[in-house]
Amino acid sequence: MSDVFWETQEDEEPEASELRYRRPWWVTLGALVDLILLLVVVPVGILSLIPFVFLIYVFFAQVLVWISPVLLVLNAAIFWWGFRRKQAATTALAALGIAFVTLAFVVVRLWQSPVVILGATLGQ
């Protein structure tokens, strides 16, 4: 290889490592909540293909819809924090958390059950 390629690499400033950033407590808490959601949603989603087990998924979706404002704000903040600091795993986990809440809204609406958000029932 030519010397030019290696010289330009040496002249560049080293990129900020992911280890340089100290993760705030709210990011760690949100990532833990998202991991728990991931570990619950995927098996329940697979088991929901069995008749009557789908009702468990509908109940879980109603719980997610109930706390959705908290989850959406937390995941949006985590997504913003992770995207700015190039934390790919944290950003992807936050995006999954937002997707799970969106899917929960779809399931609740398709099941035609009332949408209850933090105790308030939305239009019927």
N, C-alpha and C. Protein backbone atom coordinates (compact mmCIF):
# COMPACT_ATOMS: atom_id res chain seq x y z
N MET A 1 0.85 -1.18 0.00
CA MET A 1 0.00 0.00 0.00
C MET A 1 0.89 1.23 0.00
N SER A 2 0.28 2.30 -0.44
CA SER A 2 1.07 3.53 -0.53
C SER A 2 1.19 4.20 0.83
N ASP A 3 2.22 5.02 0.95
CA ASP A 3 2.44 5.75 2.20
C ASP A 3 1.38 6.83 2.43
N VAL A 4 0.77 7.29 1.36
CA VAL A 4 -0.22 8.36 1.48
C VAL A 4 -1.41 7.90 2.33
N PHE A 5 -1.87 6.67 2.11
CA PHE A 5 -3.01 6.15 2.86
C PHE A 5 -2.70 6.13 4.35
N TRP A 6 -1.55 5.64 4.72
CA TRP A 6 -1.20 5.53 6.13
C TRP A 6 -0.94 6.88 6.76
N GLU A 7 -0.40 7.81 6.00
CA GLU A 7 -0.12 9.14 6.54
C GLU A 7 -1.42 9.88 6.86
N THR A 8 -2.42 9.77 6.00
CA THR A 8 -3.68 10.48 6.29
C THR A 8 -4.36 9.92 7.51
N GLN A 9 -4.21 8.63 7.74
CA GLN A 9 -4.81 8.06 8.95
C GLN A 9 -4.11 8.55 10.20
N GLU A 10 -2.83 8.69 10.15
CA GLU A 10 -2.09 9.15 11.32
C GLU A 10 -2.37 10.60 11.64
N ASP A 11 -2.66 11.41 10.62
CA ASP A 11 -2.91 12.83 10.83
C ASP A 11 -4.29 13.09 11.44
N GLU A 12 -5.22 12.17 11.22
CA GLU A 12 -6.57 12.38 11.72
C GLU A 12 -6.63 12.30 13.24
N GLU A 13 -7.54 13.06 13.77
CA GLU A 13 -7.76 13.04 15.21
C GLU A 13 -8.52 11.76 15.57
N PRO A 14 -8.15 11.08 16.62
CA PRO A 14 -8.87 9.85 16.97
C PRO A 14 -10.33 10.15 17.31
N GLU A 15 -11.20 9.24 16.86
CA GLU A 15 -12.63 9.40 17.10
C GLU A 15 -12.95 9.14 18.57
N ALA A 16 -13.90 9.88 19.07
CA ALA A 16 -14.30 9.72 20.47
C ALA A 16 -14.84 8.31 20.69
N SER A 17 -14.32 7.63 21.65
CA SER A 17 -14.74 6.26 21.94
C SER A 17 -16.05 6.26 22.71
N GLU A 18 -16.78 5.18 22.55
CA GLU A 18 -18.02 5.04 23.31
C GLU A 18 -17.74 4.95 24.80
N LEU A 19 -16.55 4.53 25.16
CA LEU A 19 -16.23 4.38 26.57
C LEU A 19 -15.94 5.71 27.25
N ARG A 20 -15.73 6.76 26.46
CA ARG A 20 -15.47 8.07 27.05
C ARG A 20 -16.71 8.67 27.70
N TYR A 21 -17.87 8.33 27.17
CA TYR A 21 -19.10 8.92 27.67
C TYR A 21 -19.59 8.15 28.89
N ARG A 22 -19.89 8.90 29.90
CA ARG A 22 -20.48 8.26 31.07
C ARG A 22 -21.99 8.26 30.88
N ARG A 23 -22.57 7.10 31.01
CA ARG A 23 -23.99 6.92 30.77
C ARG A 23 -24.78 7.44 31.96
N PRO A 24 -25.74 8.37 31.72
CA PRO A 24 -26.57 8.87 32.82
C PRO A 24 -27.47 7.77 33.38
N TRP A 25 -27.94 7.96 34.60
CA TRP A 25 -28.76 6.95 35.27
C TRP A 25 -30.07 6.71 34.54
N TRP A 26 -30.65 7.77 33.95
CA TRP A 26 -31.94 7.61 33.28
C TRP A 26 -31.79 6.81 31.98
N VAL A 27 -30.64 6.87 31.35
CA VAL A 27 -30.41 6.07 30.15
C VAL A 27 -30.28 4.59 30.54
N THR A 28 -29.57 4.34 31.62
CA THR A 28 -29.42 2.96 32.10
C THR A 28 -30.77 2.39 32.53
N LEU A 29 -31.56 3.18 33.24
CA LEU A 29 -32.89 2.74 33.67
C LEU A 29 -33.79 2.47 32.47
N GLY A 30 -33.78 3.38 31.50
CA GLY A 30 -34.61 3.19 30.31
C GLY A 30 -34.17 1.99 29.49
N ALA A 31 -32.86 1.78 29.38
CA ALA A 31 -32.36 0.62 28.64
C ALA A 31 -32.76 -0.67 29.34
N LEU A 32 -32.73 -0.66 30.66
CA LEU A 32 -33.16 -1.84 31.42
C LEU A 32 -34.65 -2.12 31.20
N VAL A 33 -35.46 -1.09 31.22
CA VAL A 33 -36.90 -1.25 30.96
C VAL A 33 -37.13 -1.78 29.54
N ASP A 34 -36.38 -1.24 28.57
CA ASP A 34 -36.52 -1.71 27.19
C ASP A 34 -36.08 -3.16 27.03
N LEU A 35 -35.04 -3.56 27.74
CA LEU A 35 -34.61 -4.96 27.69
C LEU A 35 -35.67 -5.89 28.27
N ILE A 36 -36.28 -5.47 29.38
CA ILE A 36 -37.35 -6.26 29.97
C ILE A 36 -38.52 -6.36 29.01
N LEU A 37 -38.88 -5.24 28.36
CA LEU A 37 -39.95 -5.27 27.37
C LEU A 37 -39.61 -6.22 26.23
N LEU A 38 -38.37 -6.18 25.78
CA LEU A 38 -37.95 -7.07 24.70
C LEU A 38 -38.06 -8.54 25.11
N LEU A 39 -37.66 -8.83 26.34
CA LEU A 39 -37.71 -10.21 26.82
C LEU A 39 -39.13 -10.68 27.09
N VAL A 40 -40.08 -9.75 27.24
CA VAL A 40 -41.47 -10.14 27.46
C VAL A 40 -42.26 -10.15 26.15
N VAL A 41 -42.06 -9.14 25.32
CA VAL A 41 -42.87 -8.99 24.10
C VAL A 41 -42.59 -10.11 23.10
N VAL A 42 -41.35 -10.45 22.89
CA VAL A 42 -41.02 -11.45 21.87
C VAL A 42 -41.63 -12.82 22.20
N PRO A 43 -41.42 -13.38 23.41
CA PRO A 43 -42.05 -14.69 23.67
C PRO A 43 -43.57 -14.63 23.68
N VAL A 44 -44.13 -13.58 24.24
CA VAL A 44 -45.60 -13.47 24.27
C VAL A 44 -46.12 -13.30 22.85
N GLY A 45 -45.39 -12.56 22.02
CA GLY A 45 -45.81 -12.39 20.62
C GLY A 45 -45.78 -13.70 19.87
N ILE A 46 -44.79 -14.53 20.13
CA ILE A 46 -44.71 -15.84 19.48
C ILE A 46 -45.81 -16.75 20.00
N LEU A 47 -46.01 -16.75 21.32
CA LEU A 47 -47.05 -17.60 21.90
C LEU A 47 -48.46 -17.15 21.55
N SER A 48 -48.60 -15.88 21.12
CA SER A 48 -49.93 -15.38 20.81
C SER A 48 -50.52 -16.03 19.56
N LEU A 49 -49.71 -16.79 18.84
CA LEU A 49 -50.23 -17.53 17.69
C LEU A 49 -51.12 -18.68 18.12
N ILE A 50 -51.00 -19.08 19.39
CA ILE A 50 -51.84 -20.14 19.94
C ILE A 50 -53.16 -19.49 20.40
N PRO A 51 -54.31 -20.09 20.05
CA PRO A 51 -55.58 -19.50 20.45
C PRO A 51 -55.66 -19.28 21.97
N PHE A 52 -56.28 -18.22 22.37
CA PHE A 52 -56.53 -17.80 23.75
C PHE A 52 -55.28 -17.25 24.44
N VAL A 53 -54.10 -17.61 23.98
CA VAL A 53 -52.90 -17.00 24.55
C VAL A 53 -52.77 -15.57 24.04
N PHE A 54 -53.42 -15.29 22.91
CA PHE A 54 -53.42 -13.93 22.37
C PHE A 54 -54.02 -12.94 23.36
N LEU A 55 -54.93 -13.42 24.19
CA LEU A 55 -55.54 -12.54 25.19
C LEU A 55 -54.51 -12.02 26.19
N ILE A 56 -53.49 -12.81 26.47
CA ILE A 56 -52.41 -12.34 27.34
C ILE A 56 -51.67 -11.19 26.67
N TYR A 57 -51.45 -11.32 25.36
CA TYR A 57 -50.78 -10.25 24.62
C TYR A 57 -51.64 -8.99 24.59
N VAL A 58 -52.95 -9.15 24.46
CA VAL A 58 -53.85 -7.99 24.47
C VAL A 58 -53.79 -7.30 25.83
N PHE A 59 -53.78 -8.08 26.91
CA PHE A 59 -53.67 -7.49 28.24
C PHE A 59 -52.34 -6.75 28.39
N PHE A 60 -51.25 -7.38 27.93
CA PHE A 60 -49.94 -6.74 28.01
C PHE A 60 -49.91 -5.46 27.17
N ALA A 61 -50.57 -5.48 26.02
CA ALA A 61 -50.64 -4.28 25.18
C ALA A 61 -51.41 -3.17 25.89
N GLN A 62 -52.47 -3.53 26.61
CA GLN A 62 -53.22 -2.51 27.35
C GLN A 62 -52.36 -1.89 28.46
N VAL A 63 -51.52 -2.69 29.09
CA VAL A 63 -50.61 -2.16 30.11
C VAL A 63 -49.61 -1.21 29.47
N LEU A 64 -49.07 -1.58 28.33
CA LEU A 64 -48.12 -0.71 27.63
C LEU A 64 -48.78 0.60 27.19
N VAL A 65 -50.01 0.52 26.73
CA VAL A 65 -50.73 1.73 26.33
C VAL A 65 -50.99 2.61 27.55
N TRP A 66 -51.27 2.00 28.69
CA TRP A 66 -51.54 2.76 29.90
C TRP A 66 -50.34 3.61 30.30
N ILE A 67 -49.12 3.06 30.18
CA ILE A 67 -47.92 3.81 30.58
C ILE A 67 -47.18 4.39 29.37
N SER A 68 -47.85 4.44 28.22
CA SER A 68 -47.19 4.87 26.98
C SER A 68 -46.58 6.26 27.00
N PRO A 69 -47.19 7.28 27.61
CA PRO A 69 -46.53 8.59 27.60
C PRO A 69 -45.16 8.56 28.28
N VAL A 70 -45.07 7.84 29.39
CA VAL A 70 -43.80 7.74 30.10
C VAL A 70 -42.77 7.02 29.24
N LEU A 71 -43.18 5.90 28.64
CA LEU A 71 -42.26 5.13 27.81
C LEU A 71 -41.82 5.91 26.57
N LEU A 72 -42.75 6.62 25.93
CA LEU A 72 -42.41 7.37 24.73
C LEU A 72 -41.44 8.51 25.03
N VAL A 73 -41.69 9.25 26.09
CA VAL A 73 -40.79 10.36 26.44
C VAL A 73 -39.41 9.82 26.83
N LEU A 74 -39.39 8.78 27.64
CA LEU A 74 -38.12 8.19 28.06
C LEU A 74 -37.34 7.65 26.86
N ASN A 75 -38.01 6.92 25.98
CA ASN A 75 -37.32 6.35 24.82
C ASN A 75 -36.90 7.42 23.82
N ALA A 76 -37.68 8.47 23.67
CA ALA A 76 -37.26 9.56 22.78
C ALA A 76 -36.01 10.24 23.32
N ALA A 77 -35.96 10.45 24.64
CA ALA A 77 -34.77 11.05 25.24
C ALA A 77 -33.55 10.13 25.12
N ILE A 78 -33.76 8.85 25.32
CA ILE A 78 -32.66 7.88 25.18
C ILE A 78 -32.19 7.82 23.74
N PHE A 79 -33.13 7.83 22.80
CA PHE A 79 -32.77 7.82 21.39
C PHE A 79 -31.93 9.04 21.04
N TRP A 80 -32.36 10.20 21.49
CA TRP A 80 -31.62 11.45 21.22
C TRP A 80 -30.23 11.38 21.84
N TRP A 81 -30.14 10.93 23.09
CA TRP A 81 -28.84 10.84 23.76
C TRP A 81 -27.92 9.85 23.05
N GLY A 82 -28.44 8.68 22.72
CA GLY A 82 -27.63 7.65 22.07
C GLY A 82 -27.22 8.02 20.66
N PHE A 83 -28.11 8.69 19.93
CA PHE A 83 -27.80 9.09 18.56
C PHE A 83 -26.70 10.14 18.53
N ARG A 84 -26.77 11.09 19.45
CA ARG A 84 -25.75 12.15 19.50
C ARG A 84 -24.38 11.61 19.88
N ARG A 85 -24.34 10.56 20.68
CA ARG A 85 -23.06 10.02 21.14
C ARG A 85 -22.65 8.76 20.37
N LYS A 86 -23.37 8.48 19.29
CA LYS A 86 -23.08 7.33 18.42
C LYS A 86 -23.08 6.01 19.19
N GLN A 87 -24.06 5.86 20.07
CA GLN A 87 -24.25 4.63 20.83
C GLN A 87 -25.30 3.81 20.09
N ALA A 88 -24.85 2.94 19.20
CA ALA A 88 -25.76 2.22 18.31
C ALA A 88 -26.72 1.31 19.07
N ALA A 89 -26.22 0.57 20.04
CA ALA A 89 -27.08 -0.37 20.77
C ALA A 89 -28.15 0.36 21.57
N THR A 90 -27.78 1.44 22.22
CA THR A 90 -28.74 2.22 23.01
C THR A 90 -29.79 2.84 22.11
N THR A 91 -29.37 3.36 20.96
CA THR A 91 -30.30 3.96 20.02
C THR A 91 -31.27 2.92 19.47
N ALA A 92 -30.77 1.75 19.13
CA ALA A 92 -31.63 0.69 18.60
C ALA A 92 -32.61 0.20 19.65
N LEU A 93 -32.17 0.10 20.89
CA LEU A 93 -33.05 -0.35 21.96
C LEU A 93 -34.17 0.66 22.21
N ALA A 94 -33.84 1.95 22.14
CA ALA A 94 -34.85 2.98 22.29
C ALA A 94 -35.85 2.95 21.14
N ALA A 95 -35.36 2.72 19.93
CA ALA A 95 -36.25 2.61 18.77
C ALA A 95 -37.18 1.41 18.92
N LEU A 96 -36.66 0.30 19.44
CA LEU A 96 -37.50 -0.87 19.69
C LEU A 96 -38.57 -0.57 20.74
N GLY A 97 -38.20 0.16 21.77
CA GLY A 97 -39.17 0.54 22.80
C GLY A 97 -40.31 1.36 22.22
N ILE A 98 -39.98 2.30 21.33
CA ILE A 98 -41.02 3.10 20.67
C ILE A 98 -41.87 2.22 19.76
N ALA A 99 -41.24 1.28 19.07
CA ALA A 99 -41.98 0.37 18.19
C ALA A 99 -42.92 -0.52 18.99
N PHE A 100 -42.50 -0.99 20.16
CA PHE A 100 -43.36 -1.83 21.00
C PHE A 100 -44.59 -1.07 21.47
N VAL A 101 -44.42 0.19 21.84
CA VAL A 101 -45.56 1.00 22.27
C VAL A 101 -46.51 1.23 21.10
N THR A 102 -45.96 1.50 19.93
CA THR A 102 -46.79 1.70 18.74
C THR A 102 -47.57 0.43 18.40
N LEU A 103 -46.90 -0.71 18.46
CA LEU A 103 -47.56 -1.98 18.21
C LEU A 103 -48.66 -2.25 19.24
N ALA A 104 -48.42 -1.86 20.48
CA ALA A 104 -49.43 -2.04 21.53
C ALA A 104 -50.68 -1.20 21.21
N PHE A 105 -50.49 0.03 20.72
CA PHE A 105 -51.64 0.85 20.32
C PHE A 105 -52.42 0.17 19.20
N VAL A 106 -51.71 -0.38 18.23
CA VAL A 106 -52.37 -1.05 17.10
C VAL A 106 -53.18 -2.25 17.60
N VAL A 107 -52.58 -3.07 18.47
CA VAL A 107 -53.27 -4.25 18.99
C VAL A 107 -54.52 -3.85 19.78
N VAL A 108 -54.40 -2.83 20.62
CA VAL A 108 -55.54 -2.40 21.43
C VAL A 108 -56.66 -1.86 20.54
N ARG A 109 -56.30 -1.09 19.51
CA ARG A 109 -57.32 -0.55 18.61
C ARG A 109 -57.98 -1.66 17.78
N LEU A 110 -57.18 -2.62 17.31
CA LEU A 110 -57.74 -3.72 16.52
C LEU A 110 -58.64 -4.61 17.38
N TRP A 111 -58.32 -4.76 18.64
CA TRP A 111 -59.12 -5.56 19.55
C TRP A 111 -60.38 -4.81 19.98
N GLN A 112 -60.44 -3.53 19.67
CA GLN A 112 -61.54 -2.63 19.97
C GLN A 112 -61.82 -2.51 21.46
N SER A 113 -60.75 -2.54 22.23
CA SER A 113 -60.91 -2.29 23.66
C SER A 113 -60.63 -0.81 23.91
N PRO A 114 -61.11 -0.28 25.01
CA PRO A 114 -60.90 1.15 25.27
C PRO A 114 -59.42 1.48 25.46
N VAL A 115 -59.03 2.63 24.94
CA VAL A 115 -57.65 3.11 25.08
C VAL A 115 -57.59 3.93 26.35
N VAL A 116 -56.87 3.42 27.35
CA VAL A 116 -56.74 4.10 28.63
C VAL A 116 -55.27 4.48 28.81
N ILE A 117 -55.04 5.80 28.91
CA ILE A 117 -53.68 6.31 29.06
C ILE A 117 -53.59 7.01 30.40
N LEU A 118 -52.75 6.47 31.27
CA LEU A 118 -52.56 6.99 32.63
C LEU A 118 -53.91 7.23 33.34
N GLY A 119 -54.83 6.31 33.17
CA GLY A 119 -56.11 6.37 33.85
C GLY A 119 -57.20 7.12 33.12
N ALA A 120 -56.87 7.82 32.04
CA ALA A 120 -57.86 8.57 31.28
C ALA A 120 -58.26 7.78 30.04
N THR A 121 -59.56 7.57 29.87
CA THR A 121 -60.06 6.85 28.71
C THR A 121 -60.20 7.83 27.54
N LEU A 122 -59.59 7.45 26.41
CA LEU A 122 -59.67 8.29 25.22
C LEU A 122 -60.87 7.88 24.39
N GLY A 123 -61.51 8.86 23.75
CA GLY A 123 -62.68 8.72 22.89
C GLY A 123 -63.23 7.33 22.64
N GLN A 124 -64.50 7.24 22.66
CA GLN A 124 -65.19 5.98 22.35
C GLN A 124 -66.33 6.25 21.43
